[in-house]
Protein backbone atom coordinates (compact mmCIF):
# COMPACT_ATOMS: atom_id res chain seq x y z
CA MET A 1 108.79 90.10 135.93
CA ALA A 2 109.81 93.21 133.30
CA SER A 3 111.45 90.55 130.69
CA ARG A 4 108.24 88.62 130.96
CA THR A 5 105.65 91.20 130.21
CA THR A 6 107.93 92.60 127.42
CA PHE A 7 108.07 89.41 126.13
CA THR A 8 104.44 88.69 126.16
CA ILE A 9 103.82 92.02 124.69
CA VAL A 10 106.44 91.29 121.96
CA ALA A 11 104.62 88.43 121.51
CA VAL A 12 101.28 89.22 120.92
CA LEU A 13 102.12 91.81 118.83
CA LEU A 14 103.90 89.21 116.60
CA SER A 15 100.90 86.94 116.30
CA VAL A 16 98.94 89.55 115.51
CA PHE A 17 100.84 90.70 112.75
CA LEU A 18 101.60 87.00 111.32
CA TYR A 19 97.72 86.28 111.32
CA PHE A 20 96.64 89.54 109.67
CA TYR A 21 100.19 88.69 107.05
CA LEU A 22 98.98 85.44 106.50
CA ASP A 23 95.23 86.14 105.53
CA ALA A 24 94.59 86.18 102.24
CA HIS A 25 92.09 85.92 100.29
CA VAL A 26 91.29 82.21 99.04
CA PRO A 27 88.46 80.66 97.57
CA GLU A 28 86.47 78.39 99.26
CA PRO A 29 86.54 75.03 97.12
CA PHE A 30 90.54 75.26 97.16
CA PRO A 31 92.27 72.28 98.87
CA GLN A 32 95.47 73.49 100.13
CA LYS A 33 94.56 77.25 101.87
CA PHE A 34 97.82 76.86 104.21
CA LYS A 35 100.55 76.65 101.71
CA LEU A 36 98.76 79.12 98.98
CA LYS A 37 98.77 81.47 102.16
CA ILE A 38 102.77 80.91 102.36
CA MET A 39 103.00 81.36 99.12
CA ASP A 40 101.65 84.98 98.99
CA ALA A 41 103.43 85.73 102.20
CA PHE A 42 106.88 84.56 100.64
CA MET A 43 105.66 86.72 97.40
CA LYS A 44 104.75 89.67 99.87
CA THR A 45 108.00 89.55 101.81
CA TYR A 46 109.73 89.61 98.29
CA GLY A 47 108.02 92.74 97.29
CA HIS A 48 108.62 95.03 100.71
CA VAL A 49 112.29 93.28 100.79
CA MET A 50 112.86 94.67 96.99
CA SER A 51 110.91 98.05 97.94
CA GLY A 52 112.86 98.55 100.97
CA MET A 53 116.09 97.76 99.47
CA THR A 54 115.32 99.80 96.18
CA SER A 55 113.76 103.17 98.61
CA LEU A 56 117.13 102.86 100.49
CA GLY A 57 119.18 102.79 97.28
CA LEU A 58 120.90 99.12 97.72
CA ILE A 59 119.57 97.72 94.45
CA GLU A 60 117.94 99.72 91.30
CA TYR A 61 114.82 97.65 89.90
CA PHE A 62 115.29 94.91 87.44
CA SER A 63 119.00 94.69 87.91
CA ALA A 64 121.20 91.56 88.31
CA ALA A 65 121.01 91.59 92.26
CA ASP A 66 117.34 91.76 92.22
CA ARG A 67 117.23 88.95 89.71
CA LYS A 68 119.26 87.32 91.83
CA ILE A 69 116.61 87.93 95.17
CA GLY A 70 113.87 87.10 92.94
CA ASP A 71 116.01 83.58 91.93
CA TRP A 72 116.25 83.32 95.61
CA PHE A 73 112.75 83.65 96.87
CA ILE A 74 110.96 81.30 93.85
CA LEU A 75 113.87 78.47 94.51
CA THR A 76 112.83 78.55 98.30
CA MET A 77 109.43 78.38 97.73
CA THR A 78 109.37 75.56 95.09
CA THR A 79 112.26 73.55 96.73
CA GLY A 80 112.58 75.00 100.34
CA PHE A 81 116.30 75.96 99.44
CA PRO A 82 117.90 79.37 98.03
CA TRP A 83 120.18 77.62 96.35
CA GLY A 84 118.11 74.64 94.19
CA SER A 85 117.72 70.90 93.78
CA GLY A 86 121.38 70.00 93.94
CA VAL A 87 122.72 66.58 91.94
CA ASP A 88 120.05 64.58 90.51
CA SER A 89 121.30 60.96 89.39
CA ARG A 90 118.77 60.27 87.15
CA LEU A 91 119.76 63.57 84.97
CA GLN A 92 123.01 64.81 83.15
CA ILE A 93 122.75 68.59 84.04
CA THR A 94 125.27 71.17 81.75
CA ASP A 95 125.22 74.83 82.26
CA THR A 96 126.60 76.16 78.66
CA LYS A 97 126.41 78.65 76.35
CA LEU A 98 125.40 78.26 72.50
CA ARG A 99 126.34 81.28 70.49
CA ASP A 100 126.87 83.50 73.43
CA VAL A 101 123.49 82.58 74.63
CA ARG A 102 123.45 80.78 78.51
CA VAL A 103 121.75 77.84 78.44
CA LYS A 104 120.73 74.82 80.87
CA ILE A 105 120.71 71.42 79.47
CA TYR A 106 119.04 68.48 80.81
CA GLN A 107 119.36 65.17 79.67
CA PRO A 108 117.94 62.18 80.99
CA ALA A 109 120.98 59.58 81.96
CA ASN A 110 119.26 56.50 80.75
CA SER A 111 118.85 58.16 76.99
CA LEU A 112 122.59 59.45 76.48
CA GLY A 113 123.39 56.70 74.05
CA LYS A 114 120.72 56.97 71.59
CA LYS A 115 121.17 59.13 69.03
CA LYS A 116 117.43 60.63 68.06
CA ARG A 117 115.73 61.98 71.31
CA PRO A 118 112.85 64.66 71.49
CA VAL A 119 114.14 67.74 72.45
CA LEU A 120 111.91 70.30 74.08
CA VAL A 121 113.35 74.69 74.13
CA TYR A 122 112.40 76.21 77.10
CA PHE A 123 112.26 80.03 77.24
CA HIS A 124 111.64 81.41 80.74
CA GLY A 125 108.79 84.35 80.72
CA GLY A 126 110.19 87.61 82.36
CA GLY A 127 111.14 89.58 79.45
CA TRP A 128 114.78 89.28 80.32
CA SER A 129 114.48 91.79 83.19
CA LEU A 130 112.68 88.83 85.88
CA LEU A 131 114.36 85.93 87.10
CA SER A 132 116.06 84.20 85.23
CA ALA A 133 116.01 80.24 84.19
CA ASP A 134 117.29 79.04 87.29
CA CYS A 135 114.53 79.61 88.96
CA TYR A 136 112.63 77.23 86.77
CA ASP A 137 115.62 74.57 87.41
CA PRO A 138 113.07 72.12 89.20
CA ILE A 139 110.33 72.14 86.25
CA MET A 140 112.74 71.32 84.30
CA ARG A 141 113.75 68.90 86.02
CA LYS A 142 110.82 67.13 86.62
CA ILE A 143 109.77 67.91 82.69
CA SER A 144 113.16 65.93 81.84
CA ARG A 145 112.57 63.31 84.33
CA GLU A 146 108.92 62.14 83.86
CA SER A 147 109.06 62.41 80.20
CA GLU A 148 112.66 61.15 79.17
CA VAL A 149 112.84 64.78 76.76
CA VAL A 150 116.12 66.63 76.59
CA VAL A 151 115.40 69.77 78.27
CA ILE A 152 117.63 72.98 77.08
CA SER A 153 116.24 76.22 79.03
CA VAL A 154 117.92 79.17 77.80
CA GLU A 155 118.40 82.52 79.74
């Protein structure tokens, strides 16, 4: 009997917590409110995790660990997985360095034999402090695939 009561109390408290945690103000004409609320909850969680880990002295803001955790959160929000999208048979993706700068090159497989191809060079935001080129991988793949452009994503 006591375990059933404890379970009920925990379930009610968890439900109330989730209700308020997901309670983000979304403008009325927005068509996918629940998805936006989930993304807001992810960002809140990221902020709480980073604040907690920094307060405990486990990491520092703008460190390599902070960037990696930020990448995991963004990749999980955009792809559903913290490790990214995996292999794409329609693209040739190369991680390399150009003059000691890490870049990721996305080349459409159907244009590999062409001598002249359009190129897009993408510099991600974050001021070399937040996130990395890896968290922009899904959108770089989409741009390269759909527009048949070679994309060079600069770290």
